[in-house]
Amino acid sequence: MVARDRNCHTVDGILDNESADELCRHLNGRINIETVVCADASLAHEKLARKLGFTFKELVTSSGKRVLDGIFHLQHVNAYHGHLKGWIEGIFHGVATKYLPHYLGWRRALTGIQTLTPDRLGNKIMEFLRFQPLSAT
């Protein structure tokens, strides 16, 4: 599951199933109720919008409709999917599904709002290591 706004703020997660309850578990508190959410046609998306109280614009891409009201589209999410798949297949030649949350987190860190420089990458690595428990050897 990927939710992404026009400023490239991204929420992603691994769903146990494609239900409104599962989407709510990942998105509750992460979408402002004043936000207009655009997604593909799904009963789960409609139920999620009712549960969380945001405006929902539904795209039925199978009917050839790719833009709604001249502004609502799925290109930000589709681009993210394309880059993620290219990164996973190109660098790692695929990943084990059980490790997918780790790769999603890594990708989020690499594609954040700020441009990743060697210094920022080093800082992210040090930040991560600072919170890891030490083990005696």
Protein backbone atom coordinates (compact mmCIF):
# COMPACT_ATOMS: atom_id res chain seq x y z
CA MET A 1 0.00 0.00 0.00
CA VAL A 2 1.36 3.41 -0.95
CA ALA A 3 -0.11 6.85 -0.26
CA ARG A 4 1.79 9.83 -1.63
CA ASP A 5 1.04 13.53 -1.86
CA ARG A 6 2.18 16.10 -4.40
CA ASN A 7 5.11 17.05 -2.15
CA CYS A 8 6.40 13.45 -2.20
CA HIS A 9 5.46 12.73 1.42
CA THR A 10 5.00 8.97 1.35
CA VAL A 11 3.27 6.43 3.56
CA ASP A 12 3.71 2.80 2.66
CA GLY A 13 3.11 -0.50 4.31
CA ILE A 14 2.49 -4.19 3.87
CA LEU A 15 -1.19 -5.10 4.05
CA ASP A 16 -2.40 -8.39 5.48
CA ASN A 17 -5.45 -8.04 3.21
CA GLU A 18 -7.14 -5.40 1.06
CA SER A 19 -9.83 -4.33 3.51
CA ALA A 20 -10.86 -0.91 4.78
CA ASP A 21 -9.90 -1.99 8.31
CA GLU A 22 -6.39 -2.89 7.18
CA LEU A 23 -6.01 0.37 5.26
CA CYS A 24 -7.29 2.25 8.32
CA ARG A 25 -4.67 0.53 10.48
CA HIS A 26 -1.93 2.00 8.24
CA LEU A 27 -3.45 5.38 7.43
CA ASN A 28 -5.43 6.48 10.50
CA GLY A 29 -3.88 9.70 11.79
CA ARG A 30 -1.67 10.03 8.72
CA ILE A 31 -4.20 11.66 6.37
CA ASN A 32 -5.63 15.05 7.23
CA ILE A 33 -9.43 14.99 7.00
CA GLU A 34 -9.27 18.15 4.84
CA THR A 35 -7.27 16.21 2.25
CA VAL A 36 -8.82 15.08 -1.01
CA VAL A 37 -7.68 11.52 -1.65
CA CYS A 38 -7.58 10.12 -5.15
CA ALA A 39 -7.37 6.35 -5.58
CA ASP A 40 -8.40 3.60 -7.91
CA ALA A 41 -11.88 2.16 -7.62
CA SER A 42 -12.24 -0.10 -4.60
CA LEU A 43 -14.91 -0.67 -2.00
CA ALA A 44 -12.17 -0.65 0.63
CA HIS A 45 -11.13 2.88 -0.43
CA GLU A 46 -14.72 4.11 -0.23
CA LYS A 47 -15.18 2.60 3.25
CA LEU A 48 -11.84 4.06 4.37
CA ALA A 49 -12.92 7.55 3.25
CA ARG A 50 -16.16 7.22 5.22
CA LYS A 51 -14.30 5.92 8.31
CA LEU A 52 -11.59 8.60 8.32
CA GLY A 53 -13.76 11.42 6.99
CA PHE A 54 -11.76 12.69 4.02
CA THR A 55 -13.04 13.51 0.53
CA PHE A 56 -12.50 10.65 -1.91
CA LYS A 57 -12.10 10.91 -5.68
CA GLU A 58 -12.37 7.56 -7.41
CA LEU A 59 -10.60 6.78 -10.68
CA VAL A 60 -11.76 3.86 -12.77
CA THR A 61 -8.59 3.41 -14.83
CA SER A 62 -9.95 0.28 -16.52
CA SER A 63 -12.45 2.55 -18.29
CA GLY A 64 -9.58 4.66 -19.64
CA LYS A 65 -10.10 7.56 -17.24
CA ARG A 66 -6.69 8.64 -15.94
CA VAL A 67 -7.45 12.20 -14.75
CA LEU A 68 -10.50 13.40 -12.84
CA ASP A 69 -11.66 17.03 -12.80
CA GLY A 70 -8.45 18.00 -14.62
CA ILE A 71 -6.32 17.62 -11.49
CA PHE A 72 -6.78 14.28 -9.70
CA HIS A 73 -4.59 11.43 -10.92
CA LEU A 74 -2.48 8.51 -9.70
CA GLN A 75 0.81 9.43 -11.40
CA HIS A 76 2.65 10.22 -8.15
CA VAL A 77 1.91 6.78 -6.75
CA ASN A 78 2.48 5.03 -10.09
CA ALA A 79 5.87 6.75 -10.45
CA TYR A 80 6.80 5.69 -6.92
CA HIS A 81 5.85 2.08 -7.73
CA GLY A 82 7.91 2.17 -10.93
CA HIS A 83 10.99 3.57 -9.18
CA LEU A 84 10.63 1.12 -6.28
CA LYS A 85 10.33 -1.89 -8.61
CA GLY A 86 13.27 -0.70 -10.71
CA TRP A 87 15.38 -0.20 -7.58
CA ILE A 88 14.53 -3.62 -6.12
CA GLU A 89 14.94 -5.52 -9.39
CA GLY A 90 17.91 -3.52 -10.66
CA ILE A 91 20.05 -3.47 -7.52
CA PHE A 92 18.91 -6.49 -5.54
CA HIS A 93 17.43 -8.67 -8.31
CA GLY A 94 14.33 -9.13 -6.16
CA VAL A 95 13.81 -9.45 -2.42
CA ALA A 96 12.22 -11.95 -0.06
CA THR A 97 8.69 -10.85 0.81
CA LYS A 98 9.37 -11.18 4.54
CA TYR A 99 12.05 -8.45 4.22
CA LEU A 100 9.93 -6.08 2.11
CA PRO A 101 9.16 -3.74 5.06
CA HIS A 102 12.92 -3.20 5.53
CA TYR A 103 13.42 -2.34 1.86
CA LEU A 104 10.43 0.03 1.93
CA GLY A 105 11.94 1.82 4.91
CA TRP A 106 15.32 2.00 3.21
CA ARG A 107 13.74 3.39 0.05
CA ARG A 108 11.78 5.97 2.09
CA ALA A 109 15.03 7.14 3.67
CA LEU A 110 16.74 7.39 0.29
CA THR A 111 13.89 9.25 -1.42
CA GLY A 112 12.91 11.69 1.29
CA ILE A 113 12.23 15.35 0.66
CA GLN A 114 15.89 16.33 0.88
CA THR A 115 18.43 15.33 -1.74
CA LEU A 116 20.55 12.49 -0.44
CA THR A 117 24.21 13.43 -0.22
CA PRO A 118 27.07 11.31 1.16
CA ASP A 119 26.92 13.35 4.38
CA ARG A 120 23.16 12.84 4.78
CA LEU A 121 23.52 9.11 4.07
CA GLY A 122 26.26 8.88 6.72
CA ASN A 123 24.06 10.77 9.19
CA LYS A 124 21.11 8.44 8.49
CA ILE A 125 23.31 5.39 9.05
CA MET A 126 24.70 6.84 12.30
CA GLU A 127 21.19 7.77 13.44
CA PHE A 128 20.07 4.20 12.81
CA LEU A 129 23.06 2.67 14.61
CA ARG A 130 22.65 4.95 17.62
CA PHE A 131 19.33 3.28 18.46
CA GLN A 132 20.50 -0.30 18.05
CA PRO A 133 21.14 -2.37 21.18
CA LEU A 134 24.76 -3.23 21.79
CA SER A 135 25.75 -6.85 22.23
CA ALA A 136 28.72 -8.12 24.19
CA THR A 137 31.08 -10.34 22.25
